[in-house]
């Protein structure tokens, strides 16, 4: 899966969910880039900007792709150390609305 495909999938899922009320950035550990989800407005918008966010999720690119496809449970990824959260943990908990 490419960064463009990942970004498109996140954008599709984010558009179907209510605005999160916060910003979240997914940083890929291998340097593949970032996915920035801005839910601070009326709708969730997604870009590849590397901006400051309320919550930053650090994860390997393939683990994130597996999470999007349903092969990796987000809670298991966090508990297993595959996903590290920086910033507001409450914002990270809102991610379940995107991955269910």
PDB file of N, CA and C in Angstrom:
ATOM      1  N   UNK A   1       0.849  -1.175   0.000  1.00  0.00           N
ATOM      2  CA  UNK A   1       0.000   0.000   0.000  1.00  0.00           C
ATOM      3  C   UNK A   1       0.898   1.243   0.000  1.00  0.00           C
ATOM      4  N   UNK A   2       0.523   2.244  -0.743  1.00  0.00           N
ATOM      5  CA  UNK A   2       1.295   3.480  -0.836  1.00  0.00           C
ATOM      6  C   UNK A   2       0.753   4.526   0.135  1.00  0.00           C
ATOM      7  N   UNK A   3       1.529   5.587   0.324  1.00  0.00           N
ATOM      8  CA  UNK A   3       1.076   6.679   1.176  1.00  0.00           C
ATOM      9  C   UNK A   3      -0.196   7.300   0.612  1.00  0.00           C
ATOM     10  N   UNK A   4      -0.272   7.413  -0.712  1.00  0.00           N
ATOM     11  CA  UNK A   4      -1.468   7.978  -1.340  1.00  0.00           C
ATOM     12  C   UNK A   4      -2.697   7.106  -1.074  1.00  0.00           C
ATOM     13  N   UNK A   5      -2.522   5.782  -1.163  1.00  0.00           N
ATOM     14  CA  UNK A   5      -3.638   4.858  -0.905  1.00  0.00           C
ATOM     15  C   UNK A   5      -4.071   4.925   0.556  1.00  0.00           C
ATOM     16  N   UNK A   6      -3.097   4.987   1.459  1.00  0.00           N
ATOM     17  CA  UNK A   6      -3.400   5.094   2.897  1.00  0.00           C
ATOM     18  C   UNK A   6      -4.158   6.402   3.163  1.00  0.00           C
ATOM     19  N   UNK A   7      -3.670   7.496   2.603  1.00  0.00           N
ATOM     20  CA  UNK A   7      -4.299   8.802   2.802  1.00  0.00           C
ATOM     21  C   UNK A   7      -5.729   8.795   2.282  1.00  0.00           C
ATOM     22  N   UNK A   8      -5.934   8.192   1.122  1.00  0.00           N
ATOM     23  CA  UNK A   8      -7.271   8.108   0.539  1.00  0.00           C
ATOM     24  C   UNK A   8      -8.210   7.291   1.415  1.00  0.00           C
ATOM     25  N   UNK A   9      -7.721   6.176   1.945  1.00  0.00           N
ATOM     26  CA  UNK A   9      -8.548   5.317   2.804  1.00  0.00           C
ATOM     27  C   UNK A   9      -8.908   6.045   4.098  1.00  0.00           C
ATOM     28  N   UNK A  10      -7.940   6.732   4.701  1.00  0.00           N
ATOM     29  CA  UNK A  10      -8.220   7.495   5.930  1.00  0.00           C
ATOM     30  C   UNK A  10      -9.232   8.596   5.625  1.00  0.00           C
ATOM     31  N   UNK A  11      -9.072   9.272   4.482  1.00  0.00           N
ATOM     32  CA  UNK A  11      -9.997  10.344   4.111  1.00  0.00           C
ATOM     33  C   UNK A  11     -11.416   9.809   3.944  1.00  0.00           C
ATOM     34  N   UNK A  12     -11.562   8.636   3.336  1.00  0.00           N
ATOM     35  CA  UNK A  12     -12.877   8.027   3.155  1.00  0.00           C
ATOM     36  C   UNK A  12     -13.516   7.691   4.494  1.00  0.00           C
ATOM     37  N   UNK A  13     -12.727   7.076   5.392  1.00  0.00           N
ATOM     38  CA  UNK A  13     -13.258   6.715   6.700  1.00  0.00           C
ATOM     39  C   UNK A  13     -13.548   7.956   7.544  1.00  0.00           C
ATOM     40  N   UNK A  14     -12.698   8.968   7.443  1.00  0.00           N
ATOM     41  CA  UNK A  14     -12.890  10.193   8.222  1.00  0.00           C
ATOM     42  C   UNK A  14     -14.123  10.956   7.750  1.00  0.00           C
ATOM     43  N   UNK A  15     -14.379  10.929   6.446  1.00  0.00           N
ATOM     44  CA  UNK A  15     -15.546  11.630   5.902  1.00  0.00           C
ATOM     45  C   UNK A  15     -16.850  11.006   6.391  1.00  0.00           C
ATOM     46  N   UNK A  16     -16.818   9.714   6.661  1.00  0.00           N
ATOM     47  CA  UNK A  16     -18.020   9.004   7.109  1.00  0.00           C
ATOM     48  C   UNK A  16     -18.269   9.164   8.610  1.00  0.00           C
ATOM     49  N   UNK A  17     -17.275   9.663   9.337  1.00  0.00           N
ATOM     50  CA  UNK A  17     -17.394   9.812  10.794  1.00  0.00           C
ATOM     51  C   UNK A  17     -17.707  11.263  11.159  1.00  0.00           C
ATOM     52  N   UNK A  18     -18.268  11.451  12.339  1.00  0.00           N
ATOM     53  CA  UNK A  18     -18.491  12.798  12.854  1.00  0.00           C
ATOM     54  C   UNK A  18     -17.149  13.489  13.076  1.00  0.00           C
ATOM     55  N   UNK A  19     -17.126  14.818  12.977  1.00  0.00           N
ATOM     56  CA  UNK A  19     -15.905  15.580  13.233  1.00  0.00           C
ATOM     57  C   UNK A  19     -15.381  15.249  14.630  1.00  0.00           C
ATOM     58  N   UNK A  20     -14.087  14.988  14.724  1.00  0.00           N
ATOM     59  CA  UNK A  20     -13.487  14.569  15.991  1.00  0.00           C
ATOM     60  C   UNK A  20     -13.334  15.702  16.995  1.00  0.00           C
ATOM     61  N   UNK A  21     -13.284  16.945  16.502  1.00  0.00           N
ATOM     62  CA  UNK A  21     -13.094  18.073  17.405  1.00  0.00           C
ATOM     63  C   UNK A  21     -11.645  18.308  17.779  1.00  0.00           C
ATOM     64  N   UNK A  22     -10.732  17.581  17.134  1.00  0.00           N
ATOM     65  CA  UNK A  22      -9.308  17.686  17.426  1.00  0.00           C
ATOM     66  C   UNK A  22      -8.500  17.398  16.166  1.00  0.00           C
ATOM     67  N   UNK A  23      -7.183  17.536  16.307  1.00  0.00           N
ATOM     68  CA  UNK A  23      -6.278  17.170  15.221  1.00  0.00           C
ATOM     69  C   UNK A  23      -5.436  15.969  15.648  1.00  0.00           C
ATOM     70  N   UNK A  24      -5.174  15.097  14.683  1.00  0.00           N
ATOM     71  CA  UNK A  24      -4.378  13.893  14.935  1.00  0.00           C
ATOM     72  C   UNK A  24      -3.405  13.726  13.779  1.00  0.00           C
ATOM     73  N   UNK A  25      -2.166  13.386  14.111  1.00  0.00           N
ATOM     74  CA  UNK A  25      -1.158  13.133  13.083  1.00  0.00           C
ATOM     75  C   UNK A  25      -0.636  11.710  13.240  1.00  0.00           C
ATOM     76  N   UNK A  26      -0.597  10.986  12.140  1.00  0.00           N
ATOM     77  CA  UNK A  26       0.010   9.657  12.105  1.00  0.00           C
ATOM     78  C   UNK A  26       1.388   9.809  11.469  1.00  0.00           C
ATOM     79  N   UNK A  27       2.431   9.545  12.253  1.00  0.00           N
ATOM     80  CA  UNK A  27       3.810   9.619  11.762  1.00  0.00           C
ATOM     81  C   UNK A  27       4.317   8.199  11.564  1.00  0.00           C
ATOM     82  N   UNK A  28       4.856   7.933  10.387  1.00  0.00           N
ATOM     83  CA  UNK A  28       5.336   6.592  10.076  1.00  0.00           C
ATOM     84  C   UNK A  28       6.812   6.481  10.396  1.00  0.00           C
ATOM     85  N   UNK A  29       7.157   5.466  11.205  1.00  0.00           N
ATOM     86  CA  UNK A  29       8.498   5.299  11.753  1.00  0.00           C
ATOM     87  C   UNK A  29       9.586   5.148  10.697  1.00  0.00           C
ATOM     88  N   UNK A  30       9.255   4.633   9.530  1.00  0.00           N
ATOM     89  CA  UNK A  30      10.261   4.418   8.496  1.00  0.00           C
ATOM     90  C   UNK A  30      10.503   5.632   7.619  1.00  0.00           C
ATOM     91  N   UNK A  31       9.909   6.772   7.947  1.00  0.00           N
ATOM     92  CA  UNK A  31      10.113   7.975   7.164  1.00  0.00           C
ATOM     93  C   UNK A  31       9.239   8.059   5.923  1.00  0.00           C
ATOM     94  N   UNK A  32       8.169   7.257   5.876  1.00  0.00           N
ATOM     95  CA  UNK A  32       7.285   7.258   4.710  1.00  0.00           C
ATOM     96  C   UNK A  32       6.412   8.501   4.620  1.00  0.00           C
ATOM     97  N   UNK A  33       6.413   9.338   5.638  1.00  0.00           N
ATOM     98  CA  UNK A  33       5.612  10.545   5.621  1.00  0.00           C
ATOM     99  C   UNK A  33       4.646  10.593   6.787  1.00  0.00           C
ATOM    100  N   UNK A  34       3.577  11.368   6.593  1.00  0.00           N
ATOM    101  CA  UNK A  34       2.594  11.566   7.659  1.00  0.00           C
ATOM    102  C   UNK A  34       1.209  11.674   7.053  1.00  0.00           C
ATOM    103  N   UNK A  35       0.226  11.353   7.884  1.00  0.00           N
ATOM    104  CA  UNK A  35      -1.174  11.596   7.547  1.00  0.00           C
ATOM    105  C   UNK A  35      -1.723  12.469   8.662  1.00  0.00           C
ATOM    106  N   UNK A  36      -2.248  13.636   8.279  1.00  0.00           N
ATOM    107  CA  UNK A  36      -2.760  14.610   9.237  1.00  0.00           C
ATOM    108  C   UNK A  36      -4.273  14.679   9.110  1.00  0.00           C
ATOM    109  N   UNK A  37      -4.959  14.405  10.210  1.00  0.00           N
ATOM    110  CA  UNK A  37      -6.419  14.449  10.231  1.00  0.00           C
ATOM    111  C   UNK A  37      -6.840  15.654  11.056  1.00  0.00           C
ATOM    112  N   UNK A  38      -7.513  16.588  10.399  1.00  0.00           N
ATOM    113  CA  UNK A  38      -7.990  17.792  11.083  1.00  0.00           C
ATOM    114  C   UNK A  38      -9.497  17.686  11.254  1.00  0.00           C
ATOM    115  N   UNK A  39      -9.911  17.401  12.467  1.00  0.00           N
ATOM    116  CA  UNK A  39     -11.327  17.286  12.778  1.00  0.00           C
ATOM    117  C   UNK A  39     -11.814  18.451  13.611  1.00  0.00           C
ATOM    118  N   UNK A  40     -11.070  19.560  13.573  1.00  0.00           N
ATOM    119  CA  UNK A  40     -11.413  20.709  14.418  1.00  0.00           C
ATOM    120  C   UNK A  40     -12.541  21.563  13.840  1.00  0.00           C
ATOM    121  N   UNK A  41     -12.877  21.364  12.578  1.00  0.00           N
ATOM    122  CA  UNK A  41     -13.963  22.123  11.958  1.00  0.00           C
ATOM    123  C   UNK A  41     -15.245  21.316  11.928  1.00  0.00           C
ATOM    124  N   UNK A  42     -16.099  21.646  10.983  1.00  0.00           N
ATOM    125  CA  UNK A  42     -17.386  20.953  10.853  1.00  0.00           C
ATOM    126  C   UNK A  42     -17.215  19.542  10.310  1.00  0.00           C
ATOM    127  N   UNK A  43     -16.149  19.312   9.539  1.00  0.00           N
ATOM    128  CA  UNK A  43     -15.876  17.997   8.951  1.00  0.00           C
ATOM    129  C   UNK A  43     -14.430  17.606   9.219  1.00  0.00           C
ATOM    130  N   UNK A  44     -14.156  16.315   9.090  1.00  0.00           N
ATOM    131  CA  UNK A  44     -12.788  15.821   9.172  1.00  0.00           C
ATOM    132  C   UNK A  44     -12.134  16.004   7.806  1.00  0.00           C
ATOM    133  N   UNK A  45     -10.939  16.591   7.774  1.00  0.00           N
ATOM    134  CA  UNK A  45     -10.178  16.695   6.536  1.00  0.00           C
ATOM    135  C   UNK A  45      -8.852  15.981   6.720  1.00  0.00           C
ATOM    136  N   UNK A  46      -8.319  15.442   5.643  1.00  0.00           N
ATOM    137  CA  UNK A  46      -7.101  14.639   5.705  1.00  0.00           C
ATOM    138  C   UNK A  46      -6.096  15.164   4.688  1.00  0.00           C
ATOM    139  N   UNK A  47      -4.832  15.255   5.119  1.00  0.00           N
ATOM    140  CA  UNK A  47      -3.756  15.681   4.234  1.00  0.00           C
ATOM    141  C   UNK A  47      -2.481  14.939   4.621  1.00  0.00           C
ATOM    142  N   UNK A  48      -1.411  15.226   3.925  1.00  0.00           N
ATOM    143  CA  UNK A  48      -0.103  14.654   4.261  1.00  0.00           C
ATOM    144  C   UNK A  48       0.803  15.694   4.907  1.00  0.00           C
ATOM    145  N   UNK A  49       0.194  16.736   5.464  1.00  0.00           N
ATOM    146  CA  UNK A  49       0.954  17.789   6.128  1.00  0.00           C
ATOM    147  C   UNK A  49       1.575  17.265   7.421  1.00  0.00           C
ATOM    148  N   UNK A  50       2.777  17.742   7.712  1.00  0.00           N
ATOM    149  CA  UNK A  50       3.462  17.393   8.953  1.00  0.00           C
ATOM    150  C   UNK A  50       3.343  18.586   9.897  1.00  0.00           C
ATOM    151  N   UNK A  51       2.123  18.812  10.395  1.00  0.00           N
ATOM    152  CA  UNK A  51       1.843  19.942  11.285  1.00  0.00           C
ATOM    153  C   UNK A  51       1.726  19.455  12.721  1.00  0.00           C
ATOM    154  N   UNK A  52       1.791  20.403  13.657  1.00  0.00           N
ATOM    155  CA  UNK A  52       1.545  20.080  15.062  1.00  0.00           C
ATOM    156  C   UNK A  52       0.100  19.617  15.215  1.00  0.00           C
ATOM    157  N   UNK A  53      -0.103  18.627  16.081  1.00  0.00           N
ATOM    158  CA  UNK A  53      -1.440  18.072  16.302  1.00  0.00           C
ATOM    159  C   UNK A  53      -1.683  17.892  17.793  1.00  0.00           C
ATOM    160  N   UNK A  54      -2.954  17.781  18.155  1.00  0.00           N
ATOM    161  CA  UNK A  54      -3.310  17.529  19.552  1.00  0.00           C
ATOM    162  C   UNK A  54      -2.772  16.177  20.006  1.00  0.00           C
ATOM    163  N   UNK A  55      -2.697  15.248  19.069  1.00  0.00           N
ATOM    164  CA  UNK A  55      -2.243  13.891  19.363  1.00  0.00           C
ATOM    165  C   UNK A  55      -1.435  13.384  18.171  1.00  0.00           C
ATOM    166  N   UNK A  56      -0.288  12.791  18.434  1.00  0.00           N
ATOM    167  CA  UNK A  56       0.538  12.198  17.379  1.00  0.00           C
ATOM    168  C   UNK A  56       0.652  10.704  17.646  1.00  0.00           C
ATOM    169  N   UNK A  57       0.362   9.923  16.610  1.00  0.00           N
ATOM    170  CA  UNK A  57       0.461   8.470  16.680  1.00  0.00           C
ATOM    171  C   UNK A  57       1.674   8.051  15.860  1.00  0.00           C
ATOM    172  N   UNK A  58       2.657   7.454  16.528  1.00  0.00           N
ATOM    173  CA  UNK A  58       3.845   6.943  15.849  1.00  0.00           C
ATOM    174  C   UNK A  58       3.670   5.444  15.629  1.00  0.00           C
ATOM    175  N   UNK A  59       3.778   5.021  14.360  1.00  0.00           N
ATOM    176  CA  UNK A  59       3.511   3.632  14.011  1.00  0.00           C
ATOM    177  C   UNK A  59       4.267   3.286  12.736  1.00  0.00           C
ATOM    178  N   UNK A  60       4.635   2.021  12.574  1.00  0.00           N
ATOM    179  CA  UNK A  60       5.231   1.574  11.315  1.00  0.00           C
ATOM    180  C   UNK A  60       4.187   1.640  10.215  1.00  0.00           C
ATOM    181  N   UNK A  61       4.630   1.958   9.013  1.00  0.00           N
ATOM    182  CA  UNK A  61       3.735   2.107   7.870  1.00  0.00           C
ATOM    183  C   UNK A  61       2.905   0.847   7.636  1.00  0.00           C
ATOM    184  N   UNK A  62       3.552  -0.323   7.660  1.00  0.00           N
ATOM    185  CA  UNK A  62       2.828  -1.575   7.399  1.00  0.00           C
ATOM    186  C   UNK A  62       1.837  -1.890   8.512  1.00  0.00           C
ATOM    187  N   UNK A  63       2.191  -1.590   9.754  1.00  0.00           N
ATOM    188  CA  UNK A  63       1.258  -1.811  10.862  1.00  0.00           C
ATOM    189  C   UNK A  63       0.020  -0.927  10.701  1.00  0.00           C
ATOM    190  N   UNK A  64       0.215   0.308  10.237  1.00  0.00           N
ATOM    191  CA  UNK A  64      -0.928   1.198  10.026  1.00  0.00           C
ATOM    192  C   UNK A  64      -1.797   0.671   8.882  1.00  0.00           C
ATOM    193  N   UNK A  65      -1.167   0.197   7.816  1.00  0.00           N
ATOM    194  CA  UNK A  65      -1.925  -0.392   6.702  1.00  0.00           C
ATOM    195  C   UNK A  65      -2.720  -1.596   7.195  1.00  0.00           C
ATOM    196  N   UNK A  66      -2.114  -2.419   8.042  1.00  0.00           N
ATOM    197  CA  UNK A  66      -2.807  -3.581   8.604  1.00  0.00           C
ATOM    198  C   UNK A  66      -3.967  -3.150   9.491  1.00  0.00           C
ATOM    199  N   UNK A  67      -3.793  -2.055  10.220  1.00  0.00           N
ATOM    200  CA  UNK A  67      -4.864  -1.551  11.071  1.00  0.00           C
ATOM    201  C   UNK A  67      -6.038  -1.063  10.210  1.00  0.00           C
ATOM    202  N   UNK A  68      -5.735  -0.368   9.130  1.00  0.00           N
ATOM    203  CA  UNK A  68      -6.793   0.128   8.245  1.00  0.00           C
ATOM    204  C   UNK A  68      -7.562  -1.002   7.575  1.00  0.00           C
ATOM    205  N   UNK A  69      -6.862  -2.094   7.264  1.00  0.00           N
ATOM    206  CA  UNK A  69      -7.519  -3.220   6.588  1.00  0.00           C
ATOM    207  C   UNK A  69      -8.243  -4.143   7.566  1.00  0.00           C
ATOM    208  N   UNK A  70      -8.079  -3.897   8.875  1.00  0.00           N
ATOM    209  CA  UNK A  70      -8.745  -4.722   9.870  1.00  0.00           C
ATOM    210  C   UNK A  70      -7.930  -5.914  10.334  1.00  0.00           C
ATOM    211  N   UNK A  71      -6.714  -6.057   9.808  1.00  0.00           N
ATOM    212  CA  UNK A  71      -5.856  -7.184  10.199  1.00  0.00           C
ATOM    213  C   UNK A  71      -5.197  -6.966  11.561  1.00  0.00           C
ATOM    214  N   UNK A  72      -5.077  -5.710  11.992  1.00  0.00           N
ATOM    215  CA  UNK A  72      -4.460  -5.384  13.274  1.00  0.00           C
ATOM    216  C   UNK A  72      -5.428  -4.524  14.078  1.00  0.00           C
ATOM    217  N   UNK A  73      -5.764  -4.996  15.265  1.00  0.00           N
ATOM    218  CA  UNK A  73      -6.644  -4.265  16.164  1.00  0.00           C
ATOM    219  C   UNK A  73      -5.885  -3.081  16.765  1.00  0.00           C
ATOM    220  N   UNK A  74      -6.451  -1.864  16.709  1.00  0.00           N
ATOM    221  CA  UNK A  74      -5.743  -0.695  17.257  1.00  0.00           C
ATOM    222  C   UNK A  74      -5.360  -0.844  18.731  1.00  0.00           C
ATOM    223  N   UNK A  75      -6.224  -1.430  19.540  1.00  0.00           N
ATOM    224  CA  UNK A  75      -5.897  -1.612  20.959  1.00  0.00           C
ATOM    225  C   UNK A  75      -4.737  -2.587  21.122  1.00  0.00           C
ATOM    226  N   UNK A  76      -4.735  -3.668  20.341  1.00  0.00           N
ATOM    227  CA  UNK A  76      -3.624  -4.619  20.393  1.00  0.00           C
ATOM    228  C   UNK A  76      -2.330  -3.969  19.930  1.00  0.00           C
ATOM    229  N   UNK A  77      -2.406  -3.104  18.917  1.00  0.00           N
ATOM    230  CA  UNK A  77      -1.221  -2.400  18.430  1.00  0.00           C
ATOM    231  C   UNK A  77      -0.642  -1.514  19.528  1.00  0.00           C
ATOM    232  N   UNK A  78      -1.520  -0.821  20.248  1.00  0.00           N
ATOM    233  CA  UNK A  78      -1.060   0.041  21.328  1.00  0.00           C
ATOM    234  C   UNK A  78      -0.478  -0.773  22.481  1.00  0.00           C
ATOM    235  N   UNK A  79      -1.226  -1.785  22.917  1.00  0.00           N
ATOM    236  CA  UNK A  79      -0.778  -2.598  24.057  1.00  0.00           C
ATOM    237  C   UNK A  79       0.493  -3.391  23.729  1.00  0.00           C
ATOM    238  N   UNK A  80       0.657  -3.753  22.459  1.00  0.00           N
ATOM    239  CA  UNK A  80       1.831  -4.510  22.041  1.00  0.00           C
ATOM    240  C   UNK A  80       3.033  -3.643  21.714  1.00  0.00           C
ATOM    241  N   UNK A  81       2.902  -2.322  21.862  1.00  0.00           N
ATOM    242  CA  UNK A  81       4.024  -1.426  21.615  1.00  0.00           C
ATOM    243  C   UNK A  81       4.250  -1.095  20.150  1.00  0.00           C
ATOM    244  N   UNK A  82       3.346  -1.504  19.273  1.00  0.00           N
ATOM    245  CA  UNK A  82       3.498  -1.190  17.853  1.00  0.00           C
ATOM    246  C   UNK A  82       3.078   0.234  17.542  1.00  0.00           C
ATOM    247  N   UNK A  83       2.317   0.831  18.449  1.00  0.00           N
ATOM    248  CA  UNK A  83       1.807   2.179  18.255  1.00  0.00           C
ATOM    249  C   UNK A  83       2.096   2.982  19.522  1.00  0.00           C
ATOM    250  N   UNK A  84       2.745   4.127  19.358  1.00  0.00           N
ATOM    251  CA  UNK A  84       3.059   5.001  20.483  1.00  0.00           C
ATOM    252  C   UNK A  84       2.260   6.289  20.329  1.00  0.00           C
ATOM    253  N   UNK A  85       1.697   6.767  21.431  1.00  0.00           N
ATOM    254  CA  UNK A  85       0.863   7.966  21.434  1.00  0.00           C
ATOM    255  C   UNK A  85       1.597   9.097  22.139  1.00  0.00           C
ATOM    256  N   UNK A  86       1.653  10.265  21.500  1.00  0.00           N
ATOM    257  CA  UNK A  86       2.194  11.473  22.116  1.00  0.00           C
ATOM    258  C   UNK A  86       1.081  12.509  22.144  1.00  0.00           C
ATOM    259  N   UNK A  87       0.947  13.191  23.254  1.00  0.00           N
ATOM    260  CA  UNK A  87      -0.082  14.221  23.357  1.00  0.00           C
ATOM    261  C   UNK A  87      -1.301  13.714  24.096  1.00  0.00           C
ATOM    262  N   UNK A  88      -2.449  14.208  23.703  1.00  0.00           N
ATOM    263  CA  UNK A  88      -3.706  13.959  24.395  1.00  0.00           C
ATOM    264  C   UNK A  88      -4.235  12.540  24.135  1.00  0.00           C
ATOM    265  N   UNK A  89      -4.165  11.698  25.143  1.00  0.00           N
ATOM    266  CA  UNK A  89      -4.631  10.314  25.019  1.00  0.00           C
ATOM    267  C   UNK A  89      -6.139  10.255  24.766  1.00  0.00           C
ATOM    268  N   UNK A  90      -6.873  11.219  25.277  1.00  0.00           N
ATOM    269  CA  UNK A  90      -8.316  11.276  25.041  1.00  0.00           C
ATOM    270  C   UNK A  90      -8.639  11.414  23.562  1.00  0.00           C
ATOM    271  N   UNK A  91      -7.808  12.145  22.840  1.00  0.00           N
ATOM    272  CA  UNK A  91      -7.988  12.290  21.394  1.00  0.00           C
ATOM    273  C   UNK A  91      -7.732  10.947  20.712  1.00  0.00           C
ATOM    274  N   UNK A  92      -6.719  10.246  21.158  1.00  0.00           N
ATOM    275  CA  UNK A  92      -6.406   8.932  20.577  1.00  0.00           C
ATOM    276  C   UNK A  92      -7.575   7.963  20.756  1.00  0.00           C
ATOM    277  N   UNK A  93      -8.276   8.070  21.866  1.00  0.00           N
ATOM    278  CA  UNK A  93      -9.410   7.182  22.109  1.00  0.00           C
ATOM    279  C   UNK A  93     -10.543   7.418  21.115  1.00  0.00           C
ATOM    280  N   UNK A  94     -10.618   8.624  20.551  1.00  0.00           N
ATOM    281  CA  UNK A  94     -11.647   8.933  19.564  1.00  0.00           C
ATOM    282  C   UNK A  94     -11.404   8.217  18.234  1.00  0.00           C
ATOM    283  N   UNK A  95     -10.214   7.683  18.047  1.00  0.00           N
ATOM    284  CA  UNK A  95      -9.888   7.025  16.785  1.00  0.00           C
ATOM    285  C   UNK A  95     -10.712   5.778  16.520  1.00  0.00           C
ATOM    286  N   UNK A  96     -11.268   5.197  17.567  1.00  0.00           N
ATOM    287  CA  UNK A  96     -12.071   3.988  17.373  1.00  0.00           C
ATOM    288  C   UNK A  96     -13.234   4.242  16.431  1.00  0.00           C
ATOM    289  N   UNK A  97     -13.720   5.502  16.387  1.00  0.00           N
ATOM    290  CA  UNK A  97     -14.819   5.811  15.473  1.00  0.00           C
ATOM    291  C   UNK A  97     -14.380   5.733  14.005  1.00  0.00           C
ATOM    292  N   UNK A  98     -13.091   5.828  13.759  1.00  0.00           N
ATOM    293  CA  UNK A  98     -12.571   5.733  12.387  1.00  0.00           C
ATOM    294  C   UNK A  98     -12.262   4.306  11.976  1.00  0.00           C
ATOM    295  N   UNK A  99     -11.885   3.470  12.926  1.00  0.00           N
ATOM    296  CA  UNK A  99     -11.400   2.136  12.597  1.00  0.00           C
ATOM    297  C   UNK A  99     -12.428   1.032  12.811  1.00  0.00           C
ATOM    298  N   UNK A 100     -13.631   1.383  13.188  1.00  0.00           N
ATOM    299  CA  UNK A 100     -14.679   0.355  13.381  1.00  0.00           C
ATOM    300  C   UNK A 100     -15.612   0.306  12.197  1.00  0.00           C
TER     301      UNK A 100
END
